[in-house]
Amino acid sequence: MSDDPDALTEDADLSRLLEHYQELAGDDREAWQDRVMAWGGAGPAELTRWHGALLAAAWVEQNTGLTPVLAAGEVPRCYRVTYAGRQALRRLHSRDD
């Protein structure tokens, strides 16, 4: 996958997931977010594909080494939106305007 924001235009679920992580963090670019484990009617395979696409495009980065608490079925403080991810969303929204 490239870092082309066209991928966000072509896959609304992918763009909504990226926007979700950005909205949770707000202006705090250092904030890590818990991994989304359920998203509408999407199954685990779809969520894995979307997270993989976000990582491959470098729109999110993954924190797997310093998670504070381990709990079954959860991945706390796992992802945060990168500068490239924020830029891709800005380009996407500027196309909408």
C-alpha atoms as a PDB file:
ATOM      1  CA  MET A   1       0.000   0.000   0.000  1.00  0.00           C
ATOM      2  CA  SER A   2       1.229   3.476  -0.763  1.00  0.00           C
ATOM      3  CA  ASP A   3       0.806   6.542   1.374  1.00  0.00           C
ATOM      4  CA  ASP A   4      -1.542   8.011  -1.236  1.00  0.00           C
ATOM      5  CA  PRO A   5      -4.671   9.451   0.373  1.00  0.00           C
ATOM      6  CA  ASP A   6      -6.665   7.962  -2.524  1.00  0.00           C
ATOM      7  CA  ALA A   7      -6.707   4.783  -0.463  1.00  0.00           C
ATOM      8  CA  LEU A   8      -8.657   6.724   2.155  1.00  0.00           C
ATOM      9  CA  THR A   9     -11.109   7.899  -0.489  1.00  0.00           C
ATOM     10  CA  GLU A  10     -11.565   4.403  -1.846  1.00  0.00           C
ATOM     11  CA  ASP A  11     -12.068   2.738   1.547  1.00  0.00           C
ATOM     12  CA  ALA A  12     -14.396   4.711   3.810  1.00  0.00           C
ATOM     13  CA  ASP A  13     -13.889   2.282   6.696  1.00  0.00           C
ATOM     14  CA  LEU A  14     -10.139   2.789   6.519  1.00  0.00           C
ATOM     15  CA  SER A  15     -10.484   6.569   6.610  1.00  0.00           C
ATOM     16  CA  ARG A  16     -12.995   6.397   9.476  1.00  0.00           C
ATOM     17  CA  LEU A  17     -10.624   4.221  11.495  1.00  0.00           C
ATOM     18  CA  LEU A  18      -7.745   6.646  10.961  1.00  0.00           C
ATOM     19  CA  GLU A  19     -10.008   9.577  11.854  1.00  0.00           C
ATOM     20  CA  HIS A  20     -11.100   7.723  14.982  1.00  0.00           C
ATOM     21  CA  TYR A  21      -7.527   7.444  16.228  1.00  0.00           C
ATOM     22  CA  GLN A  22      -6.826  11.093  15.418  1.00  0.00           C
ATOM     23  CA  GLU A  23      -9.987  12.292  17.160  1.00  0.00           C
ATOM     24  CA  LEU A  24      -9.113  10.340  20.305  1.00  0.00           C
ATOM     25  CA  ALA A  25      -5.690  11.969  20.473  1.00  0.00           C
ATOM     26  CA  GLY A  26      -6.869  15.465  19.589  1.00  0.00           C
ATOM     27  CA  ASP A  27      -3.877  17.780  19.423  1.00  0.00           C
ATOM     28  CA  ASP A  28      -1.679  15.473  21.513  1.00  0.00           C
ATOM     29  CA  ARG A  29       0.597  13.861  18.933  1.00  0.00           C
ATOM     30  CA  GLU A  30       2.312  11.787  21.595  1.00  0.00           C
ATOM     31  CA  ALA A  31      -0.849  10.085  22.883  1.00  0.00           C
ATOM     32  CA  TRP A  32      -1.136   6.350  22.326  1.00  0.00           C
ATOM     33  CA  GLN A  33      -4.602   4.916  21.744  1.00  0.00           C
ATOM     34  CA  ASP A  34      -6.037   1.518  22.562  1.00  0.00           C
ATOM     35  CA  ARG A  35      -6.470  -0.733  19.537  1.00  0.00           C
ATOM     36  CA  VAL A  36     -10.001  -0.801  18.176  1.00  0.00           C
ATOM     37  CA  MET A  37     -11.166  -4.368  18.739  1.00  0.00           C
ATOM     38  CA  ALA A  38     -14.747  -3.983  17.439  1.00  0.00           C
ATOM     39  CA  TRP A  39     -15.898  -1.709  14.636  1.00  0.00           C
ATOM     40  CA  GLY A  40     -19.495  -1.817  13.510  1.00  0.00           C
ATOM     41  CA  GLY A  41     -20.146  -5.210  12.008  1.00  0.00           C
ATOM     42  CA  ALA A  42     -16.540  -5.795  10.948  1.00  0.00           C
ATOM     43  CA  GLY A  43     -14.920  -9.038  11.956  1.00  0.00           C
ATOM     44  CA  PRO A  44     -11.394  -9.544  13.250  1.00  0.00           C
ATOM     45  CA  ALA A  45     -10.032 -10.193   9.745  1.00  0.00           C
ATOM     46  CA  GLU A  46     -11.329  -6.844   8.467  1.00  0.00           C
ATOM     47  CA  LEU A  47      -9.925  -4.983  11.469  1.00  0.00           C
ATOM     48  CA  THR A  48      -6.580  -6.679  11.007  1.00  0.00           C
ATOM     49  CA  ARG A  49      -6.549  -5.715   7.316  1.00  0.00           C
ATOM     50  CA  TRP A  50      -7.387  -2.072   8.086  1.00  0.00           C
ATOM     51  CA  HIS A  51      -4.784  -1.801  10.837  1.00  0.00           C
ATOM     52  CA  GLY A  52      -2.222  -3.417   8.550  1.00  0.00           C
ATOM     53  CA  ALA A  53      -3.055  -0.927   5.805  1.00  0.00           C
ATOM     54  CA  LEU A  54      -2.667   2.004   8.222  1.00  0.00           C
ATOM     55  CA  LEU A  55       0.692   0.669   9.385  1.00  0.00           C
ATOM     56  CA  ALA A  56       1.900  -0.071   5.843  1.00  0.00           C
ATOM     57  CA  ALA A  57       1.106   3.470   4.756  1.00  0.00           C
ATOM     58  CA  ALA A  58       2.875   4.805   7.877  1.00  0.00           C
ATOM     59  CA  TRP A  59      -0.315   6.631   8.895  1.00  0.00           C
ATOM     60  CA  VAL A  60      -0.158   5.078  12.359  1.00  0.00           C
ATOM     61  CA  GLU A  61       2.731   3.747  14.369  1.00  0.00           C
ATOM     62  CA  GLN A  62       2.557   0.783  16.676  1.00  0.00           C
ATOM     63  CA  ASN A  63       3.681   0.516  20.277  1.00  0.00           C
ATOM     64  CA  THR A  64       4.023  -3.130  21.184  1.00  0.00           C
ATOM     65  CA  GLY A  65       6.898  -2.968  23.622  1.00  0.00           C
ATOM     66  CA  LEU A  66       5.672  -0.679  26.377  1.00  0.00           C
ATOM     67  CA  THR A  67       2.037  -1.484  26.986  1.00  0.00           C
ATOM     68  CA  PRO A  68       1.122  -0.630  30.571  1.00  0.00           C
ATOM     69  CA  VAL A  69      -1.319  -3.397  31.411  1.00  0.00           C
ATOM     70  CA  LEU A  70      -2.064  -6.674  29.705  1.00  0.00           C
ATOM     71  CA  ALA A  71      -5.669  -7.812  29.557  1.00  0.00           C
ATOM     72  CA  ALA A  72      -7.352 -10.535  27.563  1.00  0.00           C
ATOM     73  CA  GLY A  73      -9.016  -9.177  24.447  1.00  0.00           C
ATOM     74  CA  GLU A  74      -7.443  -5.725  24.720  1.00  0.00           C
ATOM     75  CA  VAL A  75      -4.364  -3.997  23.366  1.00  0.00           C
ATOM     76  CA  PRO A  76      -3.924  -0.783  25.368  1.00  0.00           C
ATOM     77  CA  ARG A  77      -1.923   2.194  24.118  1.00  0.00           C
ATOM     78  CA  CYS A  78      -1.040   0.459  20.912  1.00  0.00           C
ATOM     79  CA  TYR A  79      -1.440   3.009  18.075  1.00  0.00           C
ATOM     80  CA  ARG A  80      -0.972   6.684  17.420  1.00  0.00           C
ATOM     81  CA  VAL A  81      -1.442   8.699  14.266  1.00  0.00           C
ATOM     82  CA  THR A  82       1.782   9.817  12.623  1.00  0.00           C
ATOM     83  CA  TYR A  83       2.491  13.138  10.986  1.00  0.00           C
ATOM     84  CA  ALA A  84       1.959  11.415   7.621  1.00  0.00           C
ATOM     85  CA  GLY A  85      -1.421  10.141   8.806  1.00  0.00           C
ATOM     86  CA  ARG A  86      -2.511  13.609   9.848  1.00  0.00           C
ATOM     87  CA  GLN A  87      -1.340  14.997   6.509  1.00  0.00           C
ATOM     88  CA  ALA A  88      -3.236  12.301   4.593  1.00  0.00           C
ATOM     89  CA  LEU A  89      -6.419  13.188   6.460  1.00  0.00           C
ATOM     90  CA  ARG A  90      -5.891  16.899   5.764  1.00  0.00           C
ATOM     91  CA  ARG A  91      -5.478  16.170   2.045  1.00  0.00           C
ATOM     92  CA  LEU A  92      -8.573  13.973   2.109  1.00  0.00           C
ATOM     93  CA  HIS A  93     -10.659  16.677   3.781  1.00  0.00           C
ATOM     94  CA  SER A  94      -9.347  19.384   1.478  1.00  0.00           C
ATOM     95  CA  ARG A  95     -10.622  17.320  -1.465  1.00  0.00           C
ATOM     96  CA  ASP A  96     -14.041  17.223   0.175  1.00  0.00           C
ATOM     97  CA  ASP A  97     -14.143  21.023   0.387  1.00  0.00           C
END
